[in-house]
Amino acid sequence: MATKATSRAAQAARTSGPRSEGVERIGLHNLVPAPGSHRNRKRLGRGPGSGTGKTSGKGHKGIKARSGHHGPGGGKPRFEGGQMPLTRRVPKRGFTNIFRIENQVVGFDDLAKLPKGAEVTEATLAEAGLIRKGKGPAKLLANGDAAKGVTVRGIKMSAGARQKIEAAGGRVEN
């Protein structure tokens, strides 16, 4: 038994490094908040002996005794003191189409980043960093000059982009 205790002490001394006498290392077992920085929470409604029982320090009735009141310690969202709230004053028009598809726009000037003679597909555009996968389909727009001999496969494009690609000797495949 004595040999086990001494070997543990020796092992602790080896692994912990140099240690000065009487100074304890900081660890999770001995962390405490600074004196006076931590205050216990106020436990309301715990009987007459607690000092905050029955009405829980809110007095008798009135708006400030209610839950969600507008006085200190509470607030009713969008309550503006009796005037017509902003959410009711502003007219409501239109709607949001939940089926809207947002295209990722790619221009001819962006195609210059692709290697020469590369086939333009969504996969090659994603590899080049021109579009992001899973963020909607790509759409090719005709800004700039079309690269010669480009083959575009499976990408939406404007009518002008299609004309420019075919005029430059490229192909468009669906």
C-alpha atoms as a PDB file:
ATOM      1  CA  MET A   1       0.000   0.000   0.000  1.00  0.00           C
ATOM      2  CA  ALA A   2       2.725   2.444   0.905  1.00  0.00           C
ATOM      3  CA  THR A   3       4.503   1.803  -2.373  1.00  0.00           C
ATOM      4  CA  LYS A   4       1.351   2.586  -4.394  1.00  0.00           C
ATOM      5  CA  ALA A   5       0.830   5.889  -2.548  1.00  0.00           C
ATOM      6  CA  THR A   6       4.433   6.941  -3.003  1.00  0.00           C
ATOM      7  CA  SER A   7       4.438   5.968  -6.678  1.00  0.00           C
ATOM      8  CA  ARG A   8       1.258   8.021  -7.269  1.00  0.00           C
ATOM      9  CA  ALA A   9       2.822  11.020  -5.555  1.00  0.00           C
ATOM     10  CA  ALA A  10       5.973  10.614  -7.613  1.00  0.00           C
ATOM     11  CA  GLN A  11       3.944  10.327 -10.824  1.00  0.00           C
ATOM     12  CA  ALA A  12       1.902  13.444  -9.926  1.00  0.00           C
ATOM     13  CA  ALA A  13       5.120  15.360  -9.277  1.00  0.00           C
ATOM     14  CA  ARG A  14       6.539  14.290 -12.654  1.00  0.00           C
ATOM     15  CA  THR A  15       3.427  15.150 -14.702  1.00  0.00           C
ATOM     16  CA  SER A  16       2.478  18.413 -13.012  1.00  0.00           C
ATOM     17  CA  GLY A  17       5.853  20.111 -13.502  1.00  0.00           C
ATOM     18  CA  PRO A  18       7.547  22.486 -11.025  1.00  0.00           C
ATOM     19  CA  ARG A  19       5.307  23.294  -8.086  1.00  0.00           C
ATOM     20  CA  SER A  20       5.903  25.865  -5.388  1.00  0.00           C
ATOM     21  CA  GLU A  21       4.997  24.914  -1.836  1.00  0.00           C
ATOM     22  CA  GLY A  22       1.599  26.117  -0.583  1.00  0.00           C
ATOM     23  CA  VAL A  23       0.303  27.304  -4.003  1.00  0.00           C
ATOM     24  CA  GLU A  24      -2.583  25.278  -5.398  1.00  0.00           C
ATOM     25  CA  ARG A  25      -3.129  25.065  -9.141  1.00  0.00           C
ATOM     26  CA  ILE A  26      -6.331  26.526 -10.579  1.00  0.00           C
ATOM     27  CA  GLY A  27      -8.769  23.879 -11.713  1.00  0.00           C
ATOM     28  CA  LEU A  28     -12.496  23.320 -12.099  1.00  0.00           C
ATOM     29  CA  HIS A  29     -12.636  21.954  -8.540  1.00  0.00           C
ATOM     30  CA  ASN A  30     -11.510  25.226  -6.923  1.00  0.00           C
ATOM     31  CA  LEU A  31     -12.984  27.977  -9.141  1.00  0.00           C
ATOM     32  CA  VAL A  32     -15.259  30.427  -7.296  1.00  0.00           C
ATOM     33  CA  PRO A  33     -16.701  33.787  -8.376  1.00  0.00           C
ATOM     34  CA  ALA A  34     -15.162  37.008  -7.087  1.00  0.00           C
ATOM     35  CA  PRO A  35     -16.518  38.067  -3.682  1.00  0.00           C
ATOM     36  CA  GLY A  36     -19.728  40.089  -4.066  1.00  0.00           C
ATOM     37  CA  SER A  37     -20.110  39.396  -7.795  1.00  0.00           C
ATOM     38  CA  HIS A  38     -22.717  36.645  -7.472  1.00  0.00           C
ATOM     39  CA  ARG A  39     -26.125  37.380  -6.002  1.00  0.00           C
ATOM     40  CA  ASN A  40     -28.834  34.771  -5.420  1.00  0.00           C
ATOM     41  CA  ARG A  41     -31.982  35.158  -7.521  1.00  0.00           C
ATOM     42  CA  LYS A  42     -35.108  36.641  -5.960  1.00  0.00           C
ATOM     43  CA  ARG A  43     -37.510  33.756  -5.231  1.00  0.00           C
ATOM     44  CA  LEU A  44     -40.951  35.314  -5.513  1.00  0.00           C
ATOM     45  CA  GLY A  45     -44.216  33.924  -4.154  1.00  0.00           C
ATOM     46  CA  ARG A  46     -42.719  31.596  -1.523  1.00  0.00           C
ATOM     47  CA  GLY A  47     -44.876  32.376   1.482  1.00  0.00           C
ATOM     48  CA  PRO A  48     -45.305  35.279   3.926  1.00  0.00           C
ATOM     49  CA  GLY A  49     -42.026  34.633   5.751  1.00  0.00           C
ATOM     50  CA  SER A  50     -39.936  35.281   2.644  1.00  0.00           C
ATOM     51  CA  GLY A  51     -40.875  38.960   2.382  1.00  0.00           C
ATOM     52  CA  THR A  52     -41.879  38.484  -1.256  1.00  0.00           C
ATOM     53  CA  GLY A  53     -44.897  36.204  -0.872  1.00  0.00           C
ATOM     54  CA  LYS A  54     -48.562  36.647  -1.885  1.00  0.00           C
ATOM     55  CA  THR A  55     -48.338  39.589  -4.323  1.00  0.00           C
ATOM     56  CA  SER A  56     -44.621  38.900  -4.988  1.00  0.00           C
ATOM     57  CA  GLY A  57     -43.544  42.485  -4.365  1.00  0.00           C
ATOM     58  CA  LYS A  58     -45.915  43.921  -6.997  1.00  0.00           C
ATOM     59  CA  GLY A  59     -48.433  45.594  -4.675  1.00  0.00           C
ATOM     60  CA  HIS A  60     -52.184  45.225  -5.237  1.00  0.00           C
ATOM     61  CA  LYS A  61     -53.783  45.008  -8.689  1.00  0.00           C
ATOM     62  CA  GLY A  62     -53.123  47.646 -11.370  1.00  0.00           C
ATOM     63  CA  ILE A  63     -51.379  47.315 -14.736  1.00  0.00           C
ATOM     64  CA  LYS A  64     -47.914  46.961 -13.161  1.00  0.00           C
ATOM     65  CA  ALA A  65     -49.053  43.921 -11.214  1.00  0.00           C
ATOM     66  CA  ARG A  66     -50.052  42.088 -14.402  1.00  0.00           C
ATOM     67  CA  SER A  67     -47.918  39.711 -16.387  1.00  0.00           C
ATOM     68  CA  GLY A  68     -46.455  41.265 -19.515  1.00  0.00           C
ATOM     69  CA  HIS A  69     -47.121  44.802 -18.285  1.00  0.00           C
ATOM     70  CA  HIS A  70     -45.412  47.843 -19.774  1.00  0.00           C
ATOM     71  CA  GLY A  71     -43.783  49.074 -16.584  1.00  0.00           C
ATOM     72  CA  PRO A  72     -40.365  48.176 -15.206  1.00  0.00           C
ATOM     73  CA  GLY A  73     -39.479  44.534 -15.718  1.00  0.00           C
ATOM     74  CA  GLY A  74     -41.929  43.863 -18.534  1.00  0.00           C
ATOM     75  CA  GLY A  75     -43.257  45.047 -21.836  1.00  0.00           C
ATOM     76  CA  LYS A  76     -46.076  44.278 -24.221  1.00  0.00           C
ATOM     77  CA  PRO A  77     -44.579  43.910 -27.676  1.00  0.00           C
ATOM     78  CA  ARG A  78     -45.831  46.497 -30.189  1.00  0.00           C
ATOM     79  CA  PHE A  79     -47.798  48.404 -27.500  1.00  0.00           C
ATOM     80  CA  GLU A  80     -47.454  52.144 -28.161  1.00  0.00           C
ATOM     81  CA  GLY A  81     -49.340  53.678 -25.262  1.00  0.00           C
ATOM     82  CA  GLY A  82     -52.799  53.487 -26.773  1.00  0.00           C
ATOM     83  CA  GLN A  83     -52.041  55.044 -30.157  1.00  0.00           C
ATOM     84  CA  MET A  84     -52.647  52.898 -33.237  1.00  0.00           C
ATOM     85  CA  PRO A  85     -49.633  50.543 -33.430  1.00  0.00           C
ATOM     86  CA  LEU A  86     -47.327  50.700 -36.422  1.00  0.00           C
ATOM     87  CA  THR A  87     -48.220  47.157 -37.438  1.00  0.00           C
ATOM     88  CA  ARG A  88     -51.860  48.237 -37.826  1.00  0.00           C
ATOM     89  CA  ARG A  89     -51.173  51.683 -39.352  1.00  0.00           C
ATOM     90  CA  VAL A  90     -49.132  50.409 -42.306  1.00  0.00           C
ATOM     91  CA  PRO A  91     -51.187  49.059 -45.232  1.00  0.00           C
ATOM     92  CA  LYS A  92     -50.741  45.418 -46.141  1.00  0.00           C
ATOM     93  CA  ARG A  93     -50.265  44.562 -49.823  1.00  0.00           C
ATOM     94  CA  GLY A  94     -48.997  41.661 -51.866  1.00  0.00           C
ATOM     95  CA  PHE A  95     -47.706  38.276 -50.822  1.00  0.00           C
ATOM     96  CA  THR A  96     -44.552  36.173 -50.896  1.00  0.00           C
ATOM     97  CA  ASN A  97     -44.542  33.387 -53.452  1.00  0.00           C
ATOM     98  CA  ILE A  98     -43.187  30.329 -51.643  1.00  0.00           C
ATOM     99  CA  PHE A  99     -42.498  28.586 -54.969  1.00  0.00           C
ATOM    100  CA  ARG A 100     -40.200  31.341 -56.322  1.00  0.00           C
ATOM    101  CA  ILE A 101     -36.919  30.013 -57.707  1.00  0.00           C
ATOM    102  CA  GLU A 102     -33.937  32.364 -57.413  1.00  0.00           C
ATOM    103  CA  ASN A 103     -31.398  31.802 -60.210  1.00  0.00           C
ATOM    104  CA  GLN A 104     -27.648  32.217 -59.717  1.00  0.00           C
ATOM    105  CA  VAL A 105     -26.526  34.656 -62.410  1.00  0.00           C
ATOM    106  CA  VAL A 106     -23.396  33.877 -64.437  1.00  0.00           C
ATOM    107  CA  GLY A 107     -22.147  36.308 -67.089  1.00  0.00           C
ATOM    108  CA  PHE A 108     -19.921  35.736 -70.129  1.00  0.00           C
ATOM    109  CA  ASP A 109     -17.113  37.601 -68.386  1.00  0.00           C
ATOM    110  CA  ASP A 110     -17.282  34.970 -65.593  1.00  0.00           C
ATOM    111  CA  LEU A 111     -16.811  32.144 -68.118  1.00  0.00           C
ATOM    112  CA  ALA A 112     -13.252  33.406 -68.678  1.00  0.00           C
ATOM    113  CA  LYS A 113     -12.380  31.765 -65.331  1.00  0.00           C
ATOM    114  CA  LEU A 114     -13.129  28.326 -66.797  1.00  0.00           C
ATOM    115  CA  PRO A 115     -10.311  26.425 -68.563  1.00  0.00           C
ATOM    116  CA  LYS A 116     -10.137  26.739 -72.400  1.00  0.00           C
ATOM    117  CA  GLY A 117     -12.483  24.393 -74.232  1.00  0.00           C
ATOM    118  CA  ALA A 118     -14.277  23.354 -71.036  1.00  0.00           C
ATOM    119  CA  GLU A 119     -17.865  22.245 -71.263  1.00  0.00           C
ATOM    120  CA  VAL A 120     -20.128  24.634 -69.330  1.00  0.00           C
ATOM    121  CA  THR A 121     -22.356  22.698 -66.909  1.00  0.00           C
ATOM    122  CA  GLU A 122     -23.558  23.356 -63.369  1.00  0.00           C
ATOM    123  CA  ALA A 123     -20.820  21.029 -62.067  1.00  0.00           C
ATOM    124  CA  THR A 124     -17.997  22.903 -63.844  1.00  0.00           C
ATOM    125  CA  LEU A 125     -19.410  26.267 -62.734  1.00  0.00           C
ATOM    126  CA  ALA A 126     -19.510  25.044 -59.117  1.00  0.00           C
ATOM    127  CA  GLU A 127     -15.915  23.740 -59.327  1.00  0.00           C
ATOM    128  CA  ALA A 128     -14.750  27.133 -60.632  1.00  0.00           C
ATOM    129  CA  GLY A 129     -16.559  28.863 -57.736  1.00  0.00           C
ATOM    130  CA  LEU A 130     -18.965  30.781 -59.984  1.00  0.00           C
ATOM    131  CA  ILE A 131     -22.070  29.276 -58.368  1.00  0.00           C
ATOM    132  CA  ARG A 132     -22.840  27.450 -55.125  1.00  0.00           C
ATOM    133  CA  LYS A 133     -24.381  23.990 -55.055  1.00  0.00           C
ATOM    134  CA  GLY A 134     -27.871  23.777 -53.569  1.00  0.00           C
ATOM    135  CA  LYS A 135     -28.529  27.525 -53.895  1.00  0.00           C
ATOM    136  CA  GLY A 136     -30.686  27.377 -57.033  1.00  0.00           C
ATOM    137  CA  PRO A 137     -30.083  26.804 -60.741  1.00  0.00           C
ATOM    138  CA  ALA A 138     -27.552  28.762 -62.783  1.00  0.00           C
ATOM    139  CA  LYS A 139     -28.601  31.179 -65.516  1.00  0.00           C
ATOM    140  CA  LEU A 140     -26.254  32.491 -68.199  1.00  0.00           C
ATOM    141  CA  LEU A 141     -26.627  36.169 -69.170  1.00  0.00           C
ATOM    142  CA  ALA A 142     -25.162  37.894 -72.231  1.00  0.00           C
ATOM    143  CA  ASN A 143     -22.913  40.527 -70.678  1.00  0.00           C
ATOM    144  CA  GLY A 144     -19.546  40.724 -72.416  1.00  0.00           C
ATOM    145  CA  ASP A 145     -18.190  38.676 -75.311  1.00  0.00           C
ATOM    146  CA  ALA A 146     -18.951  34.987 -75.759  1.00  0.00           C
ATOM    147  CA  ALA A 147     -15.997  32.609 -75.683  1.00  0.00           C
ATOM    148  CA  LYS A 148     -15.333  30.831 -78.978  1.00  0.00           C
ATOM    149  CA  GLY A 149     -16.333  27.198 -79.297  1.00  0.00           C
ATOM    150  CA  VAL A 150     -18.046  26.888 -75.917  1.00  0.00           C
ATOM    151  CA  THR A 151     -20.475  24.018 -75.333  1.00  0.00           C
ATOM    152  CA  VAL A 152     -23.217  24.819 -72.828  1.00  0.00           C
ATOM    153  CA  ARG A 153     -25.149  21.869 -71.448  1.00  0.00           C
ATOM    154  CA  GLY A 154     -28.172  21.884 -69.100  1.00  0.00           C
ATOM    155  CA  ILE A 155     -28.095  25.551 -68.067  1.00  0.00           C
ATOM    156  CA  LYS A 156     -30.803  28.203 -68.422  1.00  0.00           C
ATOM    157  CA  MET A 157     -29.824  31.237 -70.458  1.00  0.00           C
ATOM    158  CA  SER A 158     -31.255  34.420 -71.864  1.00  0.00           C
ATOM    159  CA  ALA A 159     -32.175  34.616 -75.568  1.00  0.00           C
ATOM    160  CA  GLY A 160     -29.328  37.082 -76.154  1.00  0.00           C
ATOM    161  CA  ALA A 161     -26.821  34.715 -74.563  1.00  0.00           C
ATOM    162  CA  ARG A 162     -27.996  31.854 -76.806  1.00  0.00           C
ATOM    163  CA  GLN A 163     -27.582  34.030 -79.931  1.00  0.00           C
ATOM    164  CA  LYS A 164     -24.091  35.207 -78.933  1.00  0.00           C
ATOM    165  CA  ILE A 165     -22.866  31.655 -78.176  1.00  0.00           C
ATOM    166  CA  GLU A 166     -24.141  30.305 -81.518  1.00  0.00           C
ATOM    167  CA  ALA A 167     -22.726  33.334 -83.416  1.00  0.00           C
ATOM    168  CA  ALA A 168     -19.309  32.688 -81.821  1.00  0.00           C
ATOM    169  CA  GLY A 169     -19.332  29.068 -83.032  1.00  0.00           C
ATOM    170  CA  GLY A 170     -20.465  27.451 -79.790  1.00  0.00           C
ATOM    171  CA  ARG A 171     -23.181  24.891 -79.132  1.00  0.00           C
ATOM    172  CA  VAL A 172     -26.172  24.940 -76.779  1.00  0.00           C
ATOM    173  CA  GLU A 173     -27.551  21.594 -75.609  1.00  0.00           C
ATOM    174  CA  ASN A 174     -30.472  21.096 -73.244  1.00  0.00           C
END
